[in-house]
PDB file of N, CA and C in Angstrom:
ATOM      1  N   UNK A   1     -13.834  20.388 -13.553  1.00  0.00           N
ATOM      2  CA  UNK A   1     -13.053  21.506 -13.058  1.00  0.00           C
ATOM      3  C   UNK A   1     -12.392  21.158 -11.723  1.00  0.00           C
ATOM      4  N   UNK A   2     -13.140  20.489 -10.852  1.00  0.00           N
ATOM      5  CA  UNK A   2     -12.593  20.096  -9.557  1.00  0.00           C
ATOM      6  C   UNK A   2     -11.364  19.215  -9.740  1.00  0.00           C
ATOM      7  N   UNK A   3     -11.459  18.260 -10.659  1.00  0.00           N
ATOM      8  CA  UNK A   3     -10.330  17.355 -10.895  1.00  0.00           C
ATOM      9  C   UNK A   3      -9.099  18.119 -11.346  1.00  0.00           C
ATOM     10  N   UNK A   4      -9.280  19.084 -12.204  1.00  0.00           N
ATOM     11  CA  UNK A   4      -8.137  19.826 -12.724  1.00  0.00           C
ATOM     12  C   UNK A   4      -7.458  20.667 -11.647  1.00  0.00           C
ATOM     13  N   UNK A   5      -8.234  21.170 -10.712  1.00  0.00           N
ATOM     14  CA  UNK A   5      -7.645  22.018  -9.674  1.00  0.00           C
ATOM     15  C   UNK A   5      -7.114  21.221  -8.491  1.00  0.00           C
ATOM     16  N   UNK A   6      -7.574  19.988  -8.321  1.00  0.00           N
ATOM     17  CA  UNK A   6      -7.149  19.153  -7.191  1.00  0.00           C
ATOM     18  C   UNK A   6      -6.693  17.775  -7.675  1.00  0.00           C
ATOM     19  N   UNK A   7      -6.033  17.761  -8.776  1.00  0.00           N
ATOM     20  CA  UNK A   7      -5.663  16.498  -9.421  1.00  0.00           C
ATOM     21  C   UNK A   7      -4.825  15.594  -8.527  1.00  0.00           C
ATOM     22  N   UNK A   8      -3.798  16.125  -7.899  1.00  0.00           N
ATOM     23  CA  UNK A   8      -2.916  15.308  -7.058  1.00  0.00           C
ATOM     24  C   UNK A   8      -3.680  14.695  -5.885  1.00  0.00           C
ATOM     25  N   UNK A   9      -4.522  15.474  -5.228  1.00  0.00           N
ATOM     26  CA  UNK A   9      -5.296  14.953  -4.098  1.00  0.00           C
ATOM     27  C   UNK A   9      -6.244  13.845  -4.552  1.00  0.00           C
ATOM     28  N   UNK A  10      -6.885  14.049  -5.669  1.00  0.00           N
ATOM     29  CA  UNK A  10      -7.823  13.055  -6.182  1.00  0.00           C
ATOM     30  C   UNK A  10      -7.083  11.797  -6.621  1.00  0.00           C
ATOM     31  N   UNK A  11      -5.962  11.969  -7.292  1.00  0.00           N
ATOM     32  CA  UNK A  11      -5.173  10.805  -7.698  1.00  0.00           C
ATOM     33  C   UNK A  11      -4.685  10.016  -6.474  1.00  0.00           C
ATOM     34  N   UNK A  12      -4.258  10.720  -5.432  1.00  0.00           N
ATOM     35  CA  UNK A  12      -3.835  10.055  -4.200  1.00  0.00           C
ATOM     36  C   UNK A  12      -4.992   9.289  -3.569  1.00  0.00           C
ATOM     37  N   UNK A  13      -6.154   9.912  -3.524  1.00  0.00           N
ATOM     38  CA  UNK A  13      -7.338   9.270  -2.959  1.00  0.00           C
ATOM     39  C   UNK A  13      -7.690   8.002  -3.744  1.00  0.00           C
ATOM     40  N   UNK A  14      -7.688   8.107  -5.062  1.00  0.00           N
ATOM     41  CA  UNK A  14      -8.023   6.946  -5.891  1.00  0.00           C
ATOM     42  C   UNK A  14      -7.010   5.826  -5.714  1.00  0.00           C
ATOM     43  N   UNK A  15      -5.748   6.169  -5.582  1.00  0.00           N
ATOM     44  CA  UNK A  15      -4.720   5.156  -5.356  1.00  0.00           C
ATOM     45  C   UNK A  15      -4.928   4.468  -4.004  1.00  0.00           C
ATOM     46  N   UNK A  16      -5.252   5.240  -2.980  1.00  0.00           N
ATOM     47  CA  UNK A  16      -5.531   4.657  -1.664  1.00  0.00           C
ATOM     48  C   UNK A  16      -6.722   3.713  -1.738  1.00  0.00           C
ATOM     49  N   UNK A  17      -7.760   4.098  -2.477  1.00  0.00           N
ATOM     50  CA  UNK A  17      -8.948   3.243  -2.619  1.00  0.00           C
ATOM     51  C   UNK A  17      -8.605   1.957  -3.370  1.00  0.00           C
ATOM     52  N   UNK A  18      -7.760   2.062  -4.399  1.00  0.00           N
ATOM     53  CA  UNK A  18      -7.347   0.852  -5.135  1.00  0.00           C
ATOM     54  C   UNK A  18      -6.581  -0.106  -4.217  1.00  0.00           C
ATOM     55  N   UNK A  19      -5.686   0.449  -3.412  1.00  0.00           N
ATOM     56  CA  UNK A  19      -4.913  -0.382  -2.489  1.00  0.00           C
ATOM     57  C   UNK A  19      -5.818  -1.040  -1.457  1.00  0.00           C
ATOM     58  N   UNK A  20      -6.749  -0.262  -0.915  1.00  0.00           N
ATOM     59  CA  UNK A  20      -7.684  -0.794   0.087  1.00  0.00           C
ATOM     60  C   UNK A  20      -8.544  -1.902  -0.526  1.00  0.00           C
ATOM     61  N   UNK A  21      -9.019  -1.703  -1.743  1.00  0.00           N
ATOM     62  CA  UNK A  21      -9.831  -2.717  -2.414  1.00  0.00           C
ATOM     63  C   UNK A  21      -9.028  -3.989  -2.641  1.00  0.00           C
ATOM     64  N   UNK A  22      -7.770  -3.854  -3.040  1.00  0.00           N
ATOM     65  CA  UNK A  22      -6.921  -5.032  -3.253  1.00  0.00           C
ATOM     66  C   UNK A  22      -6.677  -5.764  -1.946  1.00  0.00           C
ATOM     67  N   UNK A  23      -6.458  -5.027  -0.873  1.00  0.00           N
ATOM     68  CA  UNK A  23      -6.268  -5.650   0.435  1.00  0.00           C
ATOM     69  C   UNK A  23      -7.518  -6.425   0.849  1.00  0.00           C
ATOM     70  N   UNK A  24      -8.686  -5.834   0.616  1.00  0.00           N
ATOM     71  CA  UNK A  24      -9.926  -6.494   0.980  1.00  0.00           C
ATOM     72  C   UNK A  24     -10.150  -7.749   0.133  1.00  0.00           C
ATOM     73  N   UNK A  25      -9.819  -7.681  -1.168  1.00  0.00           N
ATOM     74  CA  UNK A  25      -9.936  -8.867  -2.023  1.00  0.00           C
ATOM     75  C   UNK A  25      -9.016  -9.980  -1.522  1.00  0.00           C
ATOM     76  N   UNK A  26      -7.782  -9.625  -1.208  1.00  0.00           N
ATOM     77  CA  UNK A  26      -6.827 -10.618  -0.703  1.00  0.00           C
ATOM     78  C   UNK A  26      -7.307 -11.233   0.604  1.00  0.00           C
ATOM     79  N   UNK A  27      -7.825 -10.405   1.482  1.00  0.00           N
ATOM     80  CA  UNK A  27      -8.329 -10.878   2.770  1.00  0.00           C
ATOM     81  C   UNK A  27      -9.519 -11.818   2.562  1.00  0.00           C
ATOM     82  N   UNK A  28     -10.397 -11.481   1.664  1.00  0.00           N
ATOM     83  CA  UNK A  28     -11.569 -12.308   1.364  1.00  0.00           C
ATOM     84  C   UNK A  28     -11.136 -13.665   0.828  1.00  0.00           C
ATOM     85  N   UNK A  29     -10.187 -13.662  -0.096  1.00  0.00           N
ATOM     86  CA  UNK A  29      -9.709 -14.923  -0.687  1.00  0.00           C
ATOM     87  C   UNK A  29      -9.081 -15.798   0.391  1.00  0.00           C
ATOM     88  N   UNK A  30      -8.292 -15.211   1.266  1.00  0.00           N
ATOM     89  CA  UNK A  30      -7.661 -15.993   2.333  1.00  0.00           C
ATOM     90  C   UNK A  30      -8.699 -16.519   3.318  1.00  0.00           C
ATOM     91  N   UNK A  31      -9.648 -15.675   3.664  1.00  0.00           N
ATOM     92  CA  UNK A  31     -10.646 -16.043   4.668  1.00  0.00           C
ATOM     93  C   UNK A  31     -11.570 -17.146   4.168  1.00  0.00           C
ATOM     94  N   UNK A  32     -11.941 -17.108   2.909  1.00  0.00           N
ATOM     95  CA  UNK A  32     -12.932 -18.049   2.400  1.00  0.00           C
ATOM     96  C   UNK A  32     -12.343 -19.109   1.486  1.00  0.00           C
ATOM     97  N   UNK A  33     -11.038 -19.189   1.371  1.00  0.00           N
ATOM     98  CA  UNK A  33     -10.361 -20.239   0.616  1.00  0.00           C
ATOM     99  C   UNK A  33     -11.017 -20.459  -0.743  1.00  0.00           C
ATOM    100  N   UNK A  34     -10.936 -19.480  -1.589  1.00  0.00           N
ATOM    101  CA  UNK A  34     -11.596 -19.541  -2.890  1.00  0.00           C
ATOM    102  C   UNK A  34     -10.821 -20.357  -3.914  1.00  0.00           C
ATOM    103  N   UNK A  35      -9.642 -20.810  -3.546  1.00  0.00           N
ATOM    104  CA  UNK A  35      -8.797 -21.513  -4.507  1.00  0.00           C
ATOM    105  C   UNK A  35      -9.496 -22.731  -5.082  1.00  0.00           C
ATOM    106  N   UNK A  36     -10.194 -23.479  -4.258  1.00  0.00           N
ATOM    107  CA  UNK A  36     -10.851 -24.682  -4.767  1.00  0.00           C
ATOM    108  C   UNK A  36     -12.365 -24.619  -4.583  1.00  0.00           C
ATOM    109  N   UNK A  37     -12.914 -23.446  -4.608  1.00  0.00           N
ATOM    110  CA  UNK A  37     -14.347 -23.265  -4.416  1.00  0.00           C
ATOM    111  C   UNK A  37     -15.163 -24.015  -5.458  1.00  0.00           C
ATOM    112  N   UNK A  38     -14.789 -23.930  -6.711  1.00  0.00           N
ATOM    113  CA  UNK A  38     -15.532 -24.601  -7.772  1.00  0.00           C
ATOM    114  C   UNK A  38     -15.590 -26.110  -7.530  1.00  0.00           C
ATOM    115  N   UNK A  39     -14.466 -26.693  -7.154  1.00  0.00           N
ATOM    116  CA  UNK A  39     -14.442 -28.138  -6.897  1.00  0.00           C
ATOM    117  C   UNK A  39     -15.299 -28.500  -5.685  1.00  0.00           C
ATOM    118  N   UNK A  40     -15.223 -27.705  -4.632  1.00  0.00           N
ATOM    119  CA  UNK A  40     -16.040 -27.988  -3.448  1.00  0.00           C
ATOM    120  C   UNK A  40     -17.520 -27.889  -3.768  1.00  0.00           C
ATOM    121  N   UNK A  41     -17.916 -26.892  -4.565  1.00  0.00           N
ATOM    122  CA  UNK A  41     -19.322 -26.773  -4.963  1.00  0.00           C
ATOM    123  C   UNK A  41     -19.752 -27.951  -5.829  1.00  0.00           C
ATOM    124  N   UNK A  42     -18.890 -28.366  -6.736  1.00  0.00           N
ATOM    125  CA  UNK A  42     -19.189 -29.513  -7.596  1.00  0.00           C
ATOM    126  C   UNK A  42     -19.360 -30.775  -6.754  1.00  0.00           C
ATOM    127  N   UNK A  43     -18.464 -30.967  -5.798  1.00  0.00           N
ATOM    128  CA  UNK A  43     -18.554 -32.140  -4.920  1.00  0.00           C
ATOM    129  C   UNK A  43     -19.849 -32.114  -4.108  1.00  0.00           C
ATOM    130  N   UNK A  44     -20.185 -30.955  -3.577  1.00  0.00           N
ATOM    131  CA  UNK A  44     -21.408 -30.822  -2.783  1.00  0.00           C
ATOM    132  C   UNK A  44     -22.637 -31.103  -3.639  1.00  0.00           C
ATOM    133  N   UNK A  45     -22.646 -30.593  -4.858  1.00  0.00           N
ATOM    134  CA  UNK A  45     -23.766 -30.817  -5.767  1.00  0.00           C
ATOM    135  C   UNK A  45     -23.900 -32.302  -6.102  1.00  0.00           C
ATOM    136  N   UNK A  46     -22.789 -32.960  -6.374  1.00  0.00           N
ATOM    137  CA  UNK A  46     -22.835 -34.385  -6.706  1.00  0.00           C
ATOM    138  C   UNK A  46     -23.308 -35.213  -5.510  1.00  0.00           C
ATOM    139  N   UNK A  47     -22.879 -34.834  -4.343  1.00  0.00           N
ATOM    140  CA  UNK A  47     -23.328 -35.517  -3.123  1.00  0.00           C
ATOM    141  C   UNK A  47     -24.830 -35.341  -2.943  1.00  0.00           C
ATOM    142  N   UNK A  48     -25.301 -34.148  -3.176  1.00  0.00           N
ATOM    143  CA  UNK A  48     -26.740 -33.855  -3.078  1.00  0.00           C
ATOM    144  C   UNK A  48     -27.517 -34.692  -4.098  1.00  0.00           C
ATOM    145  N   UNK A  49     -27.004 -34.794  -5.309  1.00  0.00           N
ATOM    146  CA  UNK A  49     -27.682 -35.541  -6.360  1.00  0.00           C
ATOM    147  C   UNK A  49     -27.770 -37.032  -6.000  1.00  0.00           C
ATOM    148  N   UNK A  50     -26.751 -37.563  -5.376  1.00  0.00           N
ATOM    149  CA  UNK A  50     -26.752 -38.984  -5.003  1.00  0.00           C
ATOM    150  C   UNK A  50     -27.787 -39.276  -3.916  1.00  0.00           C
ATOM    151  N   UNK A  51     -28.067 -38.288  -3.081  1.00  0.00           N
ATOM    152  CA  UNK A  51     -29.001 -38.481  -1.962  1.00  0.00           C
ATOM    153  C   UNK A  51     -30.447 -38.268  -2.346  1.00  0.00           C
ATOM    154  N   UNK A  52     -30.723 -37.927  -3.572  1.00  0.00           N
ATOM    155  CA  UNK A  52     -32.127 -37.727  -3.995  1.00  0.00           C
ATOM    156  C   UNK A  52     -32.829 -39.004  -4.258  1.00  0.00           C
TER     157      UNK A  52
END
């Protein structure tokens, strides 16, 4: 019932949350350089294995 009576406000709120979440995801990816994370982890693991 609340959604039906305040649909526009709720839709606006949800859109703002989606935008904020996307901004945070983008910021996280830039900050932690996830583009080559898998390769860096693989390299680290192989280096660790060689030192055993």
